[in-house]
Amino acid sequence: MIEQLQRLPGVGPKSAQRLALHILKRPEAEVEALAQALIDAKKQVGLCQVCYHLSSEPVCDICRNPNRDNTTICVVADSRDVIALEKTREYKGKYHVLGGVISPMDGIGPEQLTAQALVRRVSQQQPQEVIMAISPSVEGETTTLYIGELLKPFTKVTRIAFGLPVGGDLEYADEVTLVRALEGRRELD
């Protein structure tokens, strides 16, 4: 059990041992419920046919929601990014999950992502704007530039601003972060 738990992201040997011991102390009914929940999730959760976000239905709740803004599509690397953006309760548009970022070192090229599905979707739906919300790593930048070039013939393509975190000190920020913070500046309200 410890070896299997260690396969989970962010779970090292000590955490796996702690989880295993906790599970063993729980009543059998709780352990069975956990095991069944894992099996059910694996069987029932797939990808939305429209945006590729995790969903237990063919089309996810966000894509089915008639109150969402159909004029913007926010492009993210994976479903964790959708969840993070939804927690802000600020973005009201639709999403597109690429399923990763271009990373030649890891053998991930554009063809392993949902880039072509995004191009088809944008060319058919003609949104007013596509917002690239991909982390600013080397791979993220490569992906943003690649996808941006594919989409520019169809719509306006923007990217989220990057900069200093709330509570961050200028003296500890690296040069790239400071440059991005300056580029993403806006007028005071």
N, C-alpha and C. Protein backbone atom coordinates (compact mmCIF):
# COMPACT_ATOMS: atom_id res chain seq x y z
N MET A 1 0.83 -1.19 0.00
CA MET A 1 0.00 0.00 0.00
C MET A 1 0.88 1.25 0.00
N ILE A 2 1.96 1.23 0.77
CA ILE A 2 2.86 2.38 0.84
C ILE A 2 3.47 2.65 -0.53
N GLU A 3 3.90 1.60 -1.22
CA GLU A 3 4.49 1.78 -2.56
C GLU A 3 3.49 2.39 -3.53
N GLN A 4 2.25 1.95 -3.47
CA GLN A 4 1.22 2.49 -4.36
C GLN A 4 0.92 3.95 -4.04
N LEU A 5 0.85 4.28 -2.75
CA LEU A 5 0.59 5.67 -2.36
C LEU A 5 1.73 6.60 -2.78
N GLN A 6 2.95 6.09 -2.78
CA GLN A 6 4.12 6.90 -3.18
C GLN A 6 4.07 7.28 -4.65
N ARG A 7 3.29 6.57 -5.43
CA ARG A 7 3.17 6.89 -6.85
C ARG A 7 2.37 8.17 -7.09
N LEU A 8 1.62 8.60 -6.08
CA LEU A 8 0.83 9.82 -6.20
C LEU A 8 1.75 11.04 -6.18
N PRO A 9 1.41 12.09 -6.95
CA PRO A 9 2.26 13.28 -6.96
C PRO A 9 2.29 13.95 -5.59
N GLY A 10 3.48 14.34 -5.17
CA GLY A 10 3.65 15.04 -3.91
C GLY A 10 3.64 14.15 -2.68
N VAL A 11 3.58 12.84 -2.87
CA VAL A 11 3.56 11.91 -1.74
C VAL A 11 4.89 11.16 -1.70
N GLY A 12 5.69 11.49 -0.70
CA GLY A 12 6.96 10.82 -0.51
C GLY A 12 6.81 9.63 0.41
N PRO A 13 7.94 9.00 0.77
CA PRO A 13 7.88 7.80 1.61
C PRO A 13 7.21 8.02 2.97
N LYS A 14 7.54 9.13 3.62
CA LYS A 14 6.96 9.37 4.95
C LYS A 14 5.47 9.66 4.87
N SER A 15 5.08 10.47 3.89
CA SER A 15 3.64 10.76 3.72
C SER A 15 2.87 9.49 3.37
N ALA A 16 3.46 8.67 2.50
CA ALA A 16 2.81 7.42 2.11
C ALA A 16 2.62 6.51 3.32
N GLN A 17 3.65 6.45 4.16
CA GLN A 17 3.55 5.62 5.36
C GLN A 17 2.48 6.16 6.30
N ARG A 18 2.45 7.48 6.47
CA ARG A 18 1.45 8.11 7.34
C ARG A 18 0.04 7.84 6.83
N LEU A 19 -0.17 7.99 5.51
CA LEU A 19 -1.48 7.72 4.92
C LEU A 19 -1.87 6.26 5.08
N ALA A 20 -0.93 5.37 4.83
CA ALA A 20 -1.21 3.93 4.94
C ALA A 20 -1.63 3.57 6.37
N LEU A 21 -0.90 4.06 7.33
CA LEU A 21 -1.24 3.77 8.73
C LEU A 21 -2.60 4.36 9.10
N HIS A 22 -2.90 5.55 8.58
CA HIS A 22 -4.19 6.17 8.85
C HIS A 22 -5.32 5.31 8.26
N ILE A 23 -5.13 4.87 7.02
CA ILE A 23 -6.15 4.04 6.35
C ILE A 23 -6.38 2.74 7.12
N LEU A 24 -5.30 2.13 7.59
CA LEU A 24 -5.42 0.87 8.33
C LEU A 24 -6.17 1.04 9.65
N LYS A 25 -6.13 2.22 10.23
CA LYS A 25 -6.82 2.48 11.50
C LYS A 25 -8.31 2.77 11.31
N ARG A 26 -8.71 3.11 10.09
CA ARG A 26 -10.10 3.48 9.83
C ARG A 26 -10.99 2.24 9.79
N PRO A 27 -12.28 2.40 10.05
CA PRO A 27 -13.21 1.28 9.94
C PRO A 27 -13.25 0.74 8.51
N GLU A 28 -13.51 -0.53 8.39
CA GLU A 28 -13.50 -1.18 7.07
C GLU A 28 -14.47 -0.51 6.09
N ALA A 29 -15.62 -0.09 6.59
CA ALA A 29 -16.61 0.56 5.73
C ALA A 29 -16.04 1.85 5.11
N GLU A 30 -15.28 2.64 5.88
CA GLU A 30 -14.66 3.86 5.36
C GLU A 30 -13.62 3.54 4.29
N VAL A 31 -12.84 2.52 4.54
CA VAL A 31 -11.80 2.12 3.58
C VAL A 31 -12.45 1.64 2.28
N GLU A 32 -13.53 0.86 2.40
CA GLU A 32 -14.24 0.40 1.21
C GLU A 32 -14.85 1.57 0.45
N ALA A 33 -15.38 2.56 1.18
CA ALA A 33 -15.96 3.74 0.54
C ALA A 33 -14.89 4.52 -0.22
N LEU A 34 -13.71 4.66 0.37
CA LEU A 34 -12.59 5.34 -0.31
C LEU A 34 -12.19 4.58 -1.56
N ALA A 35 -12.03 3.28 -1.44
CA ALA A 35 -11.63 2.46 -2.59
C ALA A 35 -12.68 2.55 -3.70
N GLN A 36 -13.95 2.49 -3.33
CA GLN A 36 -15.02 2.57 -4.33
C GLN A 36 -15.07 3.95 -4.98
N ALA A 37 -14.84 4.99 -4.19
CA ALA A 37 -14.82 6.35 -4.75
C ALA A 37 -13.70 6.49 -5.79
N LEU A 38 -12.54 5.91 -5.52
CA LEU A 38 -11.42 5.96 -6.47
C LEU A 38 -11.77 5.21 -7.75
N ILE A 39 -12.35 4.03 -7.60
CA ILE A 39 -12.73 3.22 -8.77
C ILE A 39 -13.80 3.93 -9.58
N ASP A 40 -14.82 4.47 -8.90
CA ASP A 40 -15.89 5.18 -9.59
C ASP A 40 -15.36 6.39 -10.35
N ALA A 41 -14.50 7.16 -9.71
CA ALA A 41 -13.93 8.35 -10.36
C ALA A 41 -13.16 7.95 -11.62
N LYS A 42 -12.36 6.90 -11.51
CA LYS A 42 -11.57 6.46 -12.67
C LYS A 42 -12.46 6.01 -13.81
N LYS A 43 -13.57 5.34 -13.49
CA LYS A 43 -14.48 4.83 -14.52
C LYS A 43 -15.36 5.92 -15.11
N GLN A 44 -15.78 6.88 -14.28
CA GLN A 44 -16.80 7.84 -14.70
C GLN A 44 -16.26 9.17 -15.20
N VAL A 45 -15.07 9.56 -14.78
CA VAL A 45 -14.56 10.88 -15.17
C VAL A 45 -13.71 10.75 -16.43
N GLY A 46 -14.06 11.57 -17.40
CA GLY A 46 -13.31 11.61 -18.66
C GLY A 46 -13.06 13.06 -19.02
N LEU A 47 -12.96 13.32 -20.30
CA LEU A 47 -12.71 14.68 -20.77
C LEU A 47 -13.92 15.22 -21.50
N CYS A 48 -14.21 16.48 -21.28
CA CYS A 48 -15.29 17.17 -21.99
C CYS A 48 -14.97 17.14 -23.49
N GLN A 49 -15.97 16.86 -24.30
CA GLN A 49 -15.79 16.78 -25.74
C GLN A 49 -15.57 18.15 -26.39
N VAL A 50 -15.87 19.22 -25.64
CA VAL A 50 -15.72 20.57 -26.18
C VAL A 50 -14.39 21.19 -25.74
N CYS A 51 -14.15 21.22 -24.41
CA CYS A 51 -13.00 21.97 -23.89
C CYS A 51 -11.88 21.09 -23.32
N TYR A 52 -12.14 19.80 -23.16
CA TYR A 52 -11.16 18.84 -22.65
C TYR A 52 -10.86 18.98 -21.16
N HIS A 53 -11.75 19.66 -20.43
CA HIS A 53 -11.66 19.71 -18.97
C HIS A 53 -12.23 18.39 -18.44
N LEU A 54 -11.83 18.01 -17.23
CA LEU A 54 -12.36 16.80 -16.63
C LEU A 54 -13.87 16.92 -16.46
N SER A 55 -14.57 15.83 -16.75
CA SER A 55 -16.02 15.85 -16.65
C SER A 55 -16.57 14.43 -16.55
N SER A 56 -17.64 14.28 -15.80
CA SER A 56 -18.32 12.98 -15.72
C SER A 56 -19.41 12.88 -16.79
N GLU A 57 -19.61 13.95 -17.54
CA GLU A 57 -20.59 14.00 -18.63
C GLU A 57 -19.83 14.21 -19.95
N PRO A 58 -20.47 13.93 -21.09
CA PRO A 58 -19.79 14.18 -22.37
C PRO A 58 -19.39 15.64 -22.56
N VAL A 59 -20.23 16.57 -22.05
CA VAL A 59 -19.93 18.00 -22.09
C VAL A 59 -19.97 18.50 -20.65
N CYS A 60 -18.92 19.20 -20.22
CA CYS A 60 -18.79 19.63 -18.82
C CYS A 60 -19.81 20.71 -18.44
N ASP A 61 -19.93 20.94 -17.15
CA ASP A 61 -20.86 21.95 -16.61
C ASP A 61 -20.57 23.34 -17.17
N ILE A 62 -19.30 23.69 -17.30
CA ILE A 62 -18.93 25.03 -17.78
C ILE A 62 -19.38 25.22 -19.22
N CYS A 63 -19.11 24.25 -20.07
CA CYS A 63 -19.50 24.36 -21.49
C CYS A 63 -21.02 24.33 -21.66
N ARG A 64 -21.73 23.64 -20.78
CA ARG A 64 -23.19 23.56 -20.87
C ARG A 64 -23.89 24.79 -20.28
N ASN A 65 -23.18 25.57 -19.49
CA ASN A 65 -23.79 26.68 -18.77
C ASN A 65 -24.12 27.83 -19.73
N PRO A 66 -25.43 28.12 -19.92
CA PRO A 66 -25.82 29.19 -20.85
C PRO A 66 -25.46 30.59 -20.36
N ASN A 67 -25.12 30.72 -19.08
CA ASN A 67 -24.76 32.02 -18.53
C ASN A 67 -23.29 32.37 -18.73
N ARG A 68 -22.50 31.43 -19.23
CA ARG A 68 -21.08 31.71 -19.48
C ARG A 68 -20.95 32.53 -20.75
N ASP A 69 -19.92 33.38 -20.77
CA ASP A 69 -19.63 34.25 -21.91
C ASP A 69 -19.02 33.43 -23.05
N ASN A 70 -19.73 33.35 -24.16
CA ASN A 70 -19.25 32.60 -25.32
C ASN A 70 -18.26 33.38 -26.18
N THR A 71 -18.00 34.64 -25.82
CA THR A 71 -17.13 35.46 -26.67
C THR A 71 -15.65 35.34 -26.29
N THR A 72 -15.36 34.66 -25.16
CA THR A 72 -13.95 34.48 -24.77
C THR A 72 -13.68 33.01 -24.44
N ILE A 73 -12.49 32.58 -24.81
CA ILE A 73 -12.01 31.25 -24.47
C ILE A 73 -10.66 31.43 -23.79
N CYS A 74 -10.53 30.87 -22.61
CA CYS A 74 -9.27 30.93 -21.86
C CYS A 74 -8.55 29.60 -22.05
N VAL A 75 -7.36 29.65 -22.60
CA VAL A 75 -6.58 28.44 -22.88
C VAL A 75 -5.63 28.17 -21.73
N VAL A 76 -5.71 26.96 -21.18
CA VAL A 76 -4.87 26.57 -20.05
C VAL A 76 -4.18 25.24 -20.36
N ALA A 77 -3.15 24.93 -19.57
CA ALA A 77 -2.40 23.70 -19.80
C ALA A 77 -3.17 22.47 -19.32
N ASP A 78 -3.75 22.53 -18.11
CA ASP A 78 -4.50 21.37 -17.63
C ASP A 78 -5.65 21.76 -16.72
N SER A 79 -6.42 20.78 -16.31
CA SER A 79 -7.64 21.03 -15.53
C SER A 79 -7.37 21.71 -14.20
N ARG A 80 -6.20 21.53 -13.63
CA ARG A 80 -5.87 22.23 -12.38
C ARG A 80 -5.93 23.73 -12.57
N ASP A 81 -5.56 24.19 -13.77
CA ASP A 81 -5.60 25.62 -14.07
C ASP A 81 -7.04 26.13 -14.15
N VAL A 82 -7.93 25.33 -14.72
CA VAL A 82 -9.35 25.70 -14.76
C VAL A 82 -9.87 25.85 -13.34
N ILE A 83 -9.56 24.89 -12.49
CA ILE A 83 -10.01 24.92 -11.10
C ILE A 83 -9.50 26.16 -10.40
N ALA A 84 -8.21 26.48 -10.60
CA ALA A 84 -7.62 27.67 -9.97
C ALA A 84 -8.32 28.95 -10.45
N LEU A 85 -8.56 29.07 -11.74
CA LEU A 85 -9.22 30.26 -12.28
C LEU A 85 -10.68 30.36 -11.82
N GLU A 86 -11.35 29.23 -11.73
CA GLU A 86 -12.74 29.23 -11.28
C GLU A 86 -12.84 29.67 -9.82
N LYS A 87 -11.84 29.37 -9.02
CA LYS A 87 -11.85 29.78 -7.61
C LYS A 87 -11.86 31.30 -7.47
N THR A 88 -11.33 32.01 -8.47
CA THR A 88 -11.31 33.48 -8.39
C THR A 88 -12.71 34.07 -8.58
N ARG A 89 -13.59 33.34 -9.23
CA ARG A 89 -14.96 33.79 -9.55
C ARG A 89 -14.96 35.07 -10.40
N GLU A 90 -13.88 35.34 -11.10
CA GLU A 90 -13.79 36.55 -11.93
C GLU A 90 -14.00 36.26 -13.41
N TYR A 91 -13.47 35.16 -13.89
CA TYR A 91 -13.56 34.83 -15.31
C TYR A 91 -14.91 34.17 -15.59
N LYS A 92 -15.64 34.69 -16.57
CA LYS A 92 -16.99 34.21 -16.85
C LYS A 92 -17.11 33.53 -18.22
N GLY A 93 -15.98 33.37 -18.92
CA GLY A 93 -16.03 32.78 -20.25
C GLY A 93 -15.87 31.28 -20.23
N LYS A 94 -15.50 30.74 -21.39
CA LYS A 94 -15.30 29.31 -21.56
C LYS A 94 -13.80 29.01 -21.50
N TYR A 95 -13.46 27.73 -21.49
CA TYR A 95 -12.06 27.30 -21.39
C TYR A 95 -11.71 26.34 -22.52
N HIS A 96 -10.41 26.14 -22.67
CA HIS A 96 -9.89 25.06 -23.49
C HIS A 96 -8.64 24.52 -22.80
N VAL A 97 -8.64 23.24 -22.50
CA VAL A 97 -7.53 22.60 -21.81
C VAL A 97 -6.65 21.90 -22.84
N LEU A 98 -5.38 22.31 -22.91
CA LEU A 98 -4.46 21.74 -23.91
C LEU A 98 -3.99 20.33 -23.56
N GLY A 99 -3.99 20.01 -22.28
CA GLY A 99 -3.50 18.69 -21.87
C GLY A 99 -2.00 18.67 -21.66
N GLY A 100 -1.40 19.83 -21.43
CA GLY A 100 0.03 19.93 -21.19
C GLY A 100 0.63 21.11 -21.92
N VAL A 101 1.95 21.12 -22.01
CA VAL A 101 2.67 22.16 -22.74
C VAL A 101 3.68 21.49 -23.66
N ILE A 102 4.07 22.21 -24.70
CA ILE A 102 5.08 21.68 -25.62
C ILE A 102 6.40 21.53 -24.87
N SER A 103 6.95 20.33 -24.88
CA SER A 103 8.19 20.04 -24.16
C SER A 103 8.97 18.97 -24.91
N PRO A 104 9.80 19.40 -25.88
CA PRO A 104 10.55 18.42 -26.66
C PRO A 104 11.41 17.48 -25.81
N MET A 105 11.93 17.99 -24.69
CA MET A 105 12.76 17.15 -23.81
C MET A 105 11.96 15.98 -23.23
N ASP A 106 10.65 16.18 -23.08
CA ASP A 106 9.77 15.13 -22.56
C ASP A 106 9.02 14.41 -23.67
N GLY A 107 9.37 14.72 -24.90
CA GLY A 107 8.72 14.07 -26.04
C GLY A 107 7.30 14.56 -26.29
N ILE A 108 6.98 15.77 -25.83
CA ILE A 108 5.64 16.31 -26.02
C ILE A 108 5.70 17.41 -27.06
N GLY A 109 5.09 17.14 -28.20
CA GLY A 109 4.99 18.12 -29.26
C GLY A 109 3.57 18.61 -29.39
N PRO A 110 3.31 19.53 -30.30
CA PRO A 110 1.96 20.07 -30.48
C PRO A 110 0.91 18.99 -30.77
N GLU A 111 1.34 17.92 -31.44
CA GLU A 111 0.39 16.86 -31.80
C GLU A 111 -0.10 16.06 -30.59
N GLN A 112 0.60 16.13 -29.46
CA GLN A 112 0.14 15.46 -28.24
C GLN A 112 -0.84 16.33 -27.46
N LEU A 113 -1.00 17.57 -27.85
CA LEU A 113 -1.91 18.50 -27.18
C LEU A 113 -3.21 18.60 -27.97
N THR A 114 -4.18 19.30 -27.41
CA THR A 114 -5.46 19.49 -28.10
C THR A 114 -5.46 20.77 -28.93
N ALA A 115 -4.30 21.12 -29.46
CA ALA A 115 -4.15 22.38 -30.21
C ALA A 115 -5.01 22.41 -31.47
N GLN A 116 -5.04 21.34 -32.23
CA GLN A 116 -5.82 21.34 -33.47
C GLN A 116 -7.32 21.42 -33.19
N ALA A 117 -7.76 20.79 -32.10
CA ALA A 117 -9.16 20.90 -31.70
C ALA A 117 -9.49 22.35 -31.32
N LEU A 118 -8.54 23.03 -30.69
CA LEU A 118 -8.73 24.44 -30.34
C LEU A 118 -8.84 25.29 -31.59
N VAL A 119 -7.98 25.06 -32.56
CA VAL A 119 -8.02 25.83 -33.81
C VAL A 119 -9.36 25.63 -34.50
N ARG A 120 -9.82 24.37 -34.58
CA ARG A 120 -11.13 24.10 -35.18
C ARG A 120 -12.25 24.83 -34.43
N ARG A 121 -12.19 24.75 -33.11
CA ARG A 121 -13.22 25.39 -32.27
C ARG A 121 -13.25 26.90 -32.49
N VAL A 122 -12.08 27.52 -32.48
CA VAL A 122 -12.00 28.98 -32.66
C VAL A 122 -12.45 29.38 -34.06
N SER A 123 -12.05 28.62 -35.06
CA SER A 123 -12.44 28.97 -36.44
C SER A 123 -13.94 28.83 -36.63
N GLN A 124 -14.57 27.87 -35.94
CA GLN A 124 -16.01 27.67 -36.08
C GLN A 124 -16.82 28.63 -35.20
N GLN A 125 -16.41 28.82 -33.95
CA GLN A 125 -17.19 29.63 -33.01
C GLN A 125 -16.90 31.12 -33.11
N GLN A 126 -15.76 31.49 -33.66
CA GLN A 126 -15.37 32.89 -33.83
C GLN A 126 -15.51 33.71 -32.54
N PRO A 127 -14.84 33.32 -31.44
CA PRO A 127 -14.90 34.14 -30.23
C PRO A 127 -14.19 35.47 -30.48
N GLN A 128 -14.53 36.47 -29.68
CA GLN A 128 -13.89 37.78 -29.83
C GLN A 128 -12.46 37.77 -29.31
N GLU A 129 -12.18 36.90 -28.34
CA GLU A 129 -10.85 36.88 -27.74
C GLU A 129 -10.51 35.49 -27.22
N VAL A 130 -9.25 35.12 -27.38
CA VAL A 130 -8.70 33.92 -26.75
C VAL A 130 -7.62 34.40 -25.80
N ILE A 131 -7.76 34.01 -24.54
CA ILE A 131 -6.80 34.42 -23.50
C ILE A 131 -5.88 33.25 -23.21
N MET A 132 -4.59 33.46 -23.41
CA MET A 132 -3.60 32.42 -23.11
C MET A 132 -3.23 32.54 -21.63
N ALA A 133 -3.54 31.52 -20.85
CA ALA A 133 -3.26 31.52 -19.41
C ALA A 133 -2.39 30.32 -19.07
N ILE A 134 -1.17 30.37 -19.58
CA ILE A 134 -0.23 29.27 -19.40
C ILE A 134 0.96 29.79 -18.61
N SER A 135 1.44 29.00 -17.67
CA SER A 135 2.55 29.41 -16.80
C SER A 135 3.75 29.86 -17.62
N PRO A 136 4.51 30.85 -17.13
CA PRO A 136 5.59 31.44 -17.90
C PRO A 136 6.92 30.69 -17.84
N SER A 137 6.89 29.37 -17.92
CA SER A 137 8.12 28.59 -18.02
C SER A 137 8.60 28.63 -19.47
N VAL A 138 9.75 28.08 -19.75
CA VAL A 138 10.24 28.01 -21.13
C VAL A 138 9.23 27.26 -21.99
N GLU A 139 8.76 26.12 -21.48
CA GLU A 139 7.79 25.31 -22.22
C GLU A 139 6.46 26.06 -22.37
N GLY A 140 6.06 26.75 -21.31
CA GLY A 140 4.82 27.51 -21.35
C GLY A 140 4.88 28.64 -22.37
N GLU A 141 6.01 29.32 -22.41
CA GLU A 141 6.19 30.41 -23.39
C GLU A 141 6.16 29.86 -24.81
N THR A 142 6.84 28.74 -25.03
CA THR A 142 6.85 28.11 -26.35
C THR A 142 5.43 27.76 -26.77
N THR A 143 4.68 27.17 -25.86
CA THR A 143 3.30 26.77 -26.13
C THR A 143 2.44 27.99 -26.42
N THR A 144 2.57 29.04 -25.61
CA THR A 144 1.79 30.26 -25.80
C THR A 144 2.06 30.87 -27.17
N LEU A 145 3.33 30.98 -27.55
CA LEU A 145 3.67 31.57 -28.84
C LEU A 145 3.17 30.71 -30.00
N TYR A 146 3.32 29.39 -29.88
CA TYR A 146 2.87 28.48 -30.93
C TYR A 146 1.36 28.56 -31.13
N ILE A 147 0.61 28.44 -30.03
CA ILE A 147 -0.85 28.49 -30.11
C ILE A 147 -1.31 29.86 -30.59
N GLY A 148 -0.66 30.91 -30.10
CA GLY A 148 -1.00 32.26 -30.52
C GLY A 148 -0.90 32.44 -32.02
N GLU A 149 0.17 31.92 -32.61
CA GLU A 149 0.35 32.03 -34.06
C GLU A 149 -0.73 31.26 -34.81
N LEU A 150 -1.14 30.11 -34.29
CA LEU A 150 -2.19 29.33 -34.94
C LEU A 150 -3.54 30.06 -34.92
N LEU A 151 -3.80 30.80 -33.84
CA LEU A 151 -5.11 31.42 -33.64
C LEU A 151 -5.25 32.83 -34.19
N LYS A 152 -4.13 33.53 -34.40
CA LYS A 152 -4.18 34.93 -34.84
C LYS A 152 -5.00 35.16 -36.12
N PRO A 153 -5.02 34.22 -37.07
CA PRO A 153 -5.86 34.46 -38.26
C PRO A 153 -7.37 34.50 -37.95
N PHE A 154 -7.79 33.99 -36.80
CA PHE A 154 -9.21 33.87 -36.50
C PHE A 154 -9.74 34.86 -35.47
N THR A 155 -8.90 35.32 -34.54
CA THR A 155 -9.41 36.15 -33.45
C THR A 155 -8.27 36.89 -32.75
N LYS A 156 -8.64 37.78 -31.85
CA LYS A 156 -7.65 38.47 -31.02
C LYS A 156 -7.12 37.48 -29.98
N VAL A 157 -5.81 37.44 -29.81
CA VAL A 157 -5.18 36.54 -28.84
C VAL A 157 -4.44 37.40 -27.82
N THR A 158 -4.77 37.20 -26.54
CA THR A 158 -4.11 37.94 -25.46
C THR A 158 -3.51 36.93 -24.48
N ARG A 159 -2.73 37.44 -23.54
CA ARG A 159 -2.18 36.57 -22.50
C ARG A 159 -2.41 37.24 -21.15
N ILE A 160 -2.48 36.41 -20.11
CA ILE A 160 -2.64 36.99 -18.78
C ILE A 160 -1.36 37.71 -18.40
N ALA A 161 -1.49 38.70 -17.53
CA ALA A 161 -0.32 39.43 -17.06
C ALA A 161 0.43 38.60 -16.03
N PHE A 162 1.73 38.78 -15.97
CA PHE A 162 2.55 38.12 -14.97
C PHE A 162 3.31 39.19 -14.20
N GLY A 163 3.60 38.93 -12.97
CA GLY A 163 4.34 39.91 -12.21
C GLY A 163 4.57 39.46 -10.79
N LEU A 164 4.59 40.43 -9.90
CA LEU A 164 4.91 40.16 -8.50
C LEU A 164 3.70 39.61 -7.76
N PRO A 165 3.92 38.63 -6.90
CA PRO A 165 2.82 38.14 -6.07
C PRO A 165 2.49 39.16 -4.99
N VAL A 166 1.27 39.11 -4.50
CA VAL A 166 0.87 39.99 -3.40
C VAL A 166 1.76 39.68 -2.20
N GLY A 167 2.33 40.71 -1.61
CA GLY A 167 3.22 40.52 -0.46
C GLY A 167 4.67 40.27 -0.84
N GLY A 168 4.96 40.23 -2.15
CA GLY A 168 6.33 39.99 -2.60
C GLY A 168 7.16 41.27 -2.53
N ASP A 169 8.45 41.13 -2.29
CA ASP A 169 9.36 42.27 -2.24
C ASP A 169 10.11 42.40 -3.55
N LEU A 170 10.23 43.63 -4.06
CA LEU A 170 10.94 43.88 -5.31
C LEU A 170 12.37 43.37 -5.26
N GLU A 171 13.02 43.55 -4.13
CA GLU A 171 14.44 43.19 -4.05
C GLU A 171 14.67 41.69 -4.24
N TYR A 172 13.66 40.87 -3.99
CA TYR A 172 13.82 39.42 -4.12
C TYR A 172 13.33 38.87 -5.45
N ALA A 173 12.72 39.72 -6.26
CA ALA A 173 12.18 39.28 -7.55
C ALA A 173 13.30 39.17 -8.59
N ASP A 174 13.20 38.16 -9.44
CA ASP A 174 14.20 38.01 -10.51
C ASP A 174 13.88 39.00 -11.63
N GLU A 175 14.83 39.18 -12.54
CA GLU A 175 14.70 40.18 -13.60
C GLU A 175 13.52 39.91 -14.52
N VAL A 176 13.30 38.64 -14.87
CA VAL A 176 12.20 38.31 -15.78
C VAL A 176 10.87 38.67 -15.15
N THR A 177 10.70 38.38 -13.87
CA THR A 177 9.46 38.71 -13.17
C THR A 177 9.26 40.22 -13.13
N LEU A 178 10.31 40.96 -12.87
CA LEU A 178 10.21 42.43 -12.84
C LEU A 178 9.85 42.99 -14.22
N VAL A 179 10.45 42.45 -15.26
CA VAL A 179 10.14 42.90 -16.62
C VAL A 179 8.67 42.64 -16.93
N ARG A 180 8.20 41.43 -16.58
CA ARG A 180 6.78 41.08 -16.81
C ARG A 180 5.86 41.98 -16.00
N ALA A 181 6.24 42.29 -14.79
CA ALA A 181 5.43 43.16 -13.95
C ALA A 181 5.33 44.55 -14.56
N LEU A 182 6.43 45.04 -15.11
CA LEU A 182 6.41 46.34 -15.76
C LEU A 182 5.57 46.31 -17.05
N GLU A 183 5.72 45.25 -17.82
CA GLU A 183 4.95 45.12 -19.07
C GLU A 183 3.45 45.00 -18.80
N GLY A 184 3.08 44.36 -17.70
CA GLY A 184 1.68 44.13 -17.39
C GLY A 184 1.04 45.24 -16.56
N ARG A 185 1.73 46.36 -16.45
CA ARG A 185 1.20 47.45 -15.60
C ARG A 185 -0.08 48.01 -16.21
N ARG A 186 -0.90 48.64 -15.35
CA ARG A 186 -2.13 49.27 -15.80
C ARG A 186 -2.39 50.53 -15.01
N GLU A 187 -3.24 51.36 -15.55
CA GLU A 187 -3.54 52.65 -14.92
C GLU A 187 -4.30 52.44 -13.62
N LEU A 188 -3.99 53.30 -12.62
CA LEU A 188 -4.71 53.23 -11.36
C LEU A 188 -6.14 53.69 -11.55
N ASP A 189 -7.06 53.00 -10.91
CA ASP A 189 -8.48 53.37 -11.03
C ASP A 189 -8.80 54.54 -10.14
